[in-house]
Each structure stands twice: as structure tokens, then as C-alpha cells.
C-alpha atoms as a PDB file:
ATOM      1  CA  MET A   1       0.000   0.000   0.000  1.00  0.00           C
ATOM      2  CA  THR A   2       1.239   3.410  -0.957  1.00  0.00           C
ATOM      3  CA  ASP A   3       1.710   5.943   1.812  1.00  0.00           C
ATOM      4  CA  LEU A   4      -1.267   8.265   1.892  1.00  0.00           C
ATOM      5  CA  LEU A   5      -1.095  11.895   2.880  1.00  0.00           C
ATOM      6  CA  LYS A   6      -3.389  12.615   5.794  1.00  0.00           C
ATOM      7  CA  TYR A   7      -5.167  15.823   6.638  1.00  0.00           C
ATOM      8  CA  SER A   8      -3.257  17.714   9.293  1.00  0.00           C
ATOM      9  CA  GLU A   9      -4.729  17.598  12.768  1.00  0.00           C
ATOM     10  CA  ASP A  10      -4.658  21.422  12.799  1.00  0.00           C
ATOM     11  CA  ASP A  11      -6.790  21.541   9.621  1.00  0.00           C
ATOM     12  CA  LEU A  12      -9.200  19.017  11.102  1.00  0.00           C
ATOM     13  CA  GLN A  13      -9.444  21.015  14.341  1.00  0.00           C
ATOM     14  CA  GLU A  14     -10.289  24.093  12.246  1.00  0.00           C
ATOM     15  CA  LEU A  15     -12.996  22.098  10.444  1.00  0.00           C
ATOM     16  CA  ILE A  16     -14.412  20.890  13.760  1.00  0.00           C
ATOM     17  CA  GLN A  17     -14.500  24.473  15.065  1.00  0.00           C
ATOM     18  CA  ALA A  18     -15.901  25.965  11.833  1.00  0.00           C
ATOM     19  CA  GLU A  19     -18.657  23.362  11.531  1.00  0.00           C
ATOM     20  CA  GLY A  20     -19.433  23.444  15.259  1.00  0.00           C
ATOM     21  CA  LEU A  21     -18.907  19.696  15.592  1.00  0.00           C
ATOM     22  CA  ASP A  22     -19.341  18.835  19.258  1.00  0.00           C
ATOM     23  CA  ASP A  23     -18.757  15.518  21.015  1.00  0.00           C
ATOM     24  CA  ASP A  24     -22.147  14.226  19.859  1.00  0.00           C
ATOM     25  CA  PHE A  25     -21.025  14.557  16.247  1.00  0.00           C
ATOM     26  CA  VAL A  26     -19.186  11.216  16.125  1.00  0.00           C
ATOM     27  CA  PRO A  27     -22.020   8.862  17.162  1.00  0.00           C
ATOM     28  CA  GLY A  28     -24.565  10.871  15.180  1.00  0.00           C
ATOM     29  CA  TYR A  29     -22.410  10.834  12.061  1.00  0.00           C
ATOM     30  CA  LEU A  30     -21.723   7.106  12.351  1.00  0.00           C
ATOM     31  CA  ASP A  31     -25.396   6.285  12.829  1.00  0.00           C
ATOM     32  CA  SER A  32     -26.308   8.504   9.878  1.00  0.00           C
ATOM     33  CA  VAL A  33     -23.707   6.845   7.639  1.00  0.00           C
ATOM     34  CA  ALA A  34     -24.943   3.408   8.704  1.00  0.00           C
ATOM     35  CA  GLY A  35     -28.471   4.409   7.694  1.00  0.00           C
ATOM     36  CA  VAL A  36     -27.368   5.690   4.294  1.00  0.00           C
ATOM     37  CA  LEU A  37     -25.248   2.619   3.615  1.00  0.00           C
ATOM     38  CA  ASN A  38     -28.034   0.309   4.691  1.00  0.00           C
ATOM     39  CA  LYS A  39     -30.229   1.864   1.973  1.00  0.00           C
ATOM     40  CA  ASN A  40     -27.475   2.248  -0.621  1.00  0.00           C
ATOM     41  CA  PRO A  41     -24.358   0.158   0.135  1.00  0.00           C
ATOM     42  CA  THR A  42     -22.607   1.367  -3.028  1.00  0.00           C
ATOM     43  CA  MET A  43     -22.073   4.690  -1.254  1.00  0.00           C
ATOM     44  CA  TYR A  44     -19.272   3.082   0.775  1.00  0.00           C
ATOM     45  CA  ARG A  45     -17.072   3.771  -2.255  1.00  0.00           C
ATOM     46  CA  SER A  46     -17.394   7.509  -1.649  1.00  0.00           C
ATOM     47  CA  TYR A  47     -15.098   7.136   1.359  1.00  0.00           C
ATOM     48  CA  GLY A  48     -12.184   5.750  -0.687  1.00  0.00           C
ATOM     49  CA  PRO A  49      -9.404   4.623   1.636  1.00  0.00           C
ATOM     50  CA  TYR A  50     -11.177   6.331   4.531  1.00  0.00           C
ATOM     51  CA  TRP A  51     -13.740   3.535   4.303  1.00  0.00           C
ATOM     52  CA  TRP A  52     -11.433   1.343   6.382  1.00  0.00           C
ATOM     53  CA  PRO A  53     -11.213   3.548   9.496  1.00  0.00           C
ATOM     54  CA  LEU A  54     -14.921   4.324   9.024  1.00  0.00           C
ATOM     55  CA  LYS A  55     -15.808   0.635   8.863  1.00  0.00           C
ATOM     56  CA  ARG A  56     -13.732  -0.006  11.985  1.00  0.00           C
ATOM     57  CA  LEU A  57     -15.667   2.718  13.823  1.00  0.00           C
ATOM     58  CA  LEU A  58     -18.990   1.364  12.528  1.00  0.00           C
ATOM     59  CA  ILE A  59     -18.069  -2.089  13.814  1.00  0.00           C
ATOM     60  CA  GLN A  60     -17.157  -0.635  17.216  1.00  0.00           C
ATOM     61  CA  ARG A  61     -20.567   1.062  17.215  1.00  0.00           C
ATOM     62  CA  GLY A  62     -22.294  -2.292  16.609  1.00  0.00           C
ATOM     63  CA  HIS A  63     -23.022  -2.108  12.892  1.00  0.00           C
ATOM     64  CA  GLN A  64     -21.071  -5.239  11.882  1.00  0.00           C
ATOM     65  CA  ASP A  65     -24.342  -6.983  11.017  1.00  0.00           C
ATOM     66  CA  LEU A  66     -24.756  -4.523   8.132  1.00  0.00           C
ATOM     67  CA  PHE A  67     -21.213  -4.423   6.766  1.00  0.00           C
ATOM     68  CA  GLY A  68     -19.240  -7.416   8.038  1.00  0.00           C
ATOM     69  CA  THR A  69     -16.073  -7.395  10.105  1.00  0.00           C
ATOM     70  CA  GLU A  70     -13.184  -7.515   7.624  1.00  0.00           C
ATOM     71  CA  VAL A  71     -11.035  -4.348   7.702  1.00  0.00           C
ATOM     72  CA  ASP A  72      -7.869  -3.477   5.790  1.00  0.00           C
ATOM     73  CA  ASP A  73      -5.931  -2.773   8.975  1.00  0.00           C
ATOM     74  CA  SER A  74      -2.878  -1.305   7.222  1.00  0.00           C
ATOM     75  CA  VAL A  75      -4.985   1.441   5.624  1.00  0.00           C
ATOM     76  CA  ALA A  76      -7.243   1.879   8.661  1.00  0.00           C
ATOM     77  CA  ASP A  77      -4.206   2.298  10.918  1.00  0.00           C
ATOM     78  CA  GLN A  78      -2.603   4.767   8.514  1.00  0.00           C
ATOM     79  CA  LEU A  79      -5.733   6.969   8.370  1.00  0.00           C
ATOM     80  CA  THR A  80      -6.836   6.770  12.003  1.00  0.00           C
ATOM     81  CA  TYR A  81      -6.103   9.844  14.114  1.00  0.00           C
ATOM     82  CA  THR A  82      -5.498  10.287  17.828  1.00  0.00           C
ATOM     83  CA  THR A  83      -9.228  10.734  18.530  1.00  0.00           C
ATOM     84  CA  ASP A  84     -12.417   9.442  16.940  1.00  0.00           C
ATOM     85  CA  GLN A  85     -13.512  13.045  16.452  1.00  0.00           C
ATOM     86  CA  LEU A  86     -10.441  13.793  14.300  1.00  0.00           C
ATOM     87  CA  THR A  87     -10.830  10.525  12.401  1.00  0.00           C
ATOM     88  CA  VAL A  88     -14.483  11.239  11.637  1.00  0.00           C
ATOM     89  CA  ALA A  89     -13.649  14.812  10.627  1.00  0.00           C
ATOM     90  CA  ALA A  90     -11.107  13.417   8.132  1.00  0.00           C
ATOM     91  CA  ILE A  91     -13.645  10.882   6.837  1.00  0.00           C
ATOM     92  CA  TYR A  92     -16.230  13.644   6.462  1.00  0.00           C
ATOM     93  CA  SER A  93     -13.782  15.950   4.688  1.00  0.00           C
ATOM     94  CA  TYR A  94     -12.681  13.270   2.227  1.00  0.00           C
ATOM     95  CA  SER A  95     -16.235  12.179   1.422  1.00  0.00           C
ATOM     96  CA  GLU A  96     -17.316  15.791   0.853  1.00  0.00           C
ATOM     97  CA  ARG A  97     -14.488  16.153  -1.673  1.00  0.00           C
ATOM     98  CA  VAL A  98     -15.613  12.984  -3.472  1.00  0.00           C
ATOM     99  CA  MET A  99     -19.257  14.107  -3.477  1.00  0.00           C
ATOM    100  CA  ALA A 100     -18.261  17.489  -4.934  1.00  0.00           C
ATOM    101  CA  ALA A 101     -16.348  15.686  -7.693  1.00  0.00           C
ATOM    102  CA  GLY A 102     -19.377  13.472  -8.385  1.00  0.00           C
ATOM    103  CA  THR A 103     -17.407  10.221  -8.093  1.00  0.00           C
ATOM    104  CA  MET A 104     -19.220   8.750  -5.093  1.00  0.00           C
ATOM    105  CA  TYR A 105     -20.152   5.506  -6.864  1.00  0.00           C
ATOM    106  CA  SER A 106     -16.738   4.909  -8.398  1.00  0.00           C
ATOM    107  CA  ASN A 107     -14.541   2.212  -6.903  1.00  0.00           C
ATOM    108  CA  SER A 108     -11.488   4.177  -8.039  1.00  0.00           C
ATOM    109  CA  GLN A 109     -10.834   7.343  -6.046  1.00  0.00           C
ATOM    110  CA  LEU A 110      -8.006   9.851  -6.261  1.00  0.00           C
ATOM    111  CA  VAL A 111      -5.848  10.081  -3.161  1.00  0.00           C
ATOM    112  CA  ASP A 112      -2.925  12.295  -2.252  1.00  0.00           C
ATOM    113  CA  THR A 113       0.428  10.591  -1.789  1.00  0.00           C
ATOM    114  CA  PRO A 114       3.953  11.927  -1.288  1.00  0.00           C
ATOM    115  CA  ASP A 115       4.407  11.421  -5.056  1.00  0.00           C
ATOM    116  CA  GLY A 116       1.231  13.305  -6.014  1.00  0.00           C
ATOM    117  CA  ALA A 117      -2.300  12.171  -6.784  1.00  0.00           C
ATOM    118  CA  GLU A 118      -2.816   8.467  -7.407  1.00  0.00           C
ATOM    119  CA  SER A 119      -5.804   6.261  -8.026  1.00  0.00           C
ATOM    120  CA  TYR A 120      -6.936   4.132  -5.080  1.00  0.00           C
ATOM    121  CA  LEU A 121      -9.135   1.111  -5.751  1.00  0.00           C
ATOM    122  CA  ILE A 122     -11.620   0.590  -2.935  1.00  0.00           C
ATOM    123  CA  ALA A 123     -12.835  -2.985  -2.785  1.00  0.00           C
ATOM    124  CA  ASP A 124     -14.512  -4.303   0.342  1.00  0.00           C
ATOM    125  CA  GLU A 125     -15.447  -7.864  -0.620  1.00  0.00           C
ATOM    126  CA  GLU A 126     -18.144  -8.063   2.041  1.00  0.00           C
ATOM    127  CA  ILE A 127     -20.010  -4.998   0.801  1.00  0.00           C
ATOM    128  CA  GLU A 128     -19.364  -5.777  -2.855  1.00  0.00           C
ATOM    129  CA  GLY A 129     -21.094  -9.129  -2.177  1.00  0.00           C
ATOM    130  CA  ILE A 130     -24.091  -7.281  -0.740  1.00  0.00           C
ATOM    131  CA  ILE A 131     -24.159  -4.996  -3.793  1.00  0.00           C
ATOM    132  CA  ALA A 132     -24.009  -8.009  -6.138  1.00  0.00           C
ATOM    133  CA  VAL A 133     -26.969  -9.648  -4.372  1.00  0.00           C
ATOM    134  CA  ILE A 134     -28.996  -6.425  -4.561  1.00  0.00           C
ATOM    135  CA  ASN A 135     -28.160  -6.004  -8.258  1.00  0.00           C
ATOM    136  CA  SER A 136     -29.041  -9.605  -9.078  1.00  0.00           C
ATOM    137  CA  THR A 137     -32.355  -9.219  -7.245  1.00  0.00           C
ATOM    138  CA  LYS A 138     -33.143  -6.077  -9.244  1.00  0.00           C
ATOM    139  CA  ALA A 139     -32.280  -7.862 -12.493  1.00  0.00           C
ATOM    140  CA  SER A 140     -34.642 -10.748 -11.758  1.00  0.00           C
END
């Protein structure tokens, strides 16, 4: 796995302050994401590599029944911050960038690396299996 550039903790603190994200933000955000993904699992792709720390947090919050338990620990560890609030702020920031670019359903997302922008292929086999079942049901 290529080294990924992370948002600085100072930038994330500024985002938290600017958006008025209090301590209740983390559980509320995670529950909201779980609801969206339950209705449209393909949206997990909009988190790119940040899906892995997000999935870890969702599992800790008890949502493993929706998304499974397999996590790419090397990426999750690389993109997890010192607090859940900072991690969720980074997840939020990345997903907002993807939404603005209109690539939320793409399994290939651009990420920043020390060598510049590179394509990152997000592939969670557990969720892709769920998507395949949904698509085959729709096709029937």
C-alpha cells in the first residue's frame, strides 16, 4: 500500500470548530452513515481509503451486522487519528471532496500521496457481495 497523505490535525481542528462539531457529532455521524449505507451500500465507495477507518468505527458502534467485520488494517491504521472526532472529521472531509467531484459511486478514487495524486481502488469484498446480491435481485 502506498503511503497516503493525511489531513493535518490542525486543519481538522479548524474544520471541527468551523462546523461546530461537538462531542455528539461522532455517534450521530456514524449512525447517519450506517443508515445511508443500509439503503445504498454502493455509497461506501465515496469514502475511498477512509472507508477502512470508518468501517472499523462502525463495527465498534455495533453495525457489523450490516457491513461485516473484515477491515484493511494497514490502511485503517494509517488513516486513524489520535481521537475518533479527528478521524471522523477526516472521513467527512474526504467524502465531501468525493461528493463534490461526483465520483461517489466509483470504486477508483483519487488520493494524495507523497508522489502526487494516485488512483486508489476501494474494494470491500463483504459490501461488494451485498451490492451483487442487490443487483441480481433487481435484475430478476
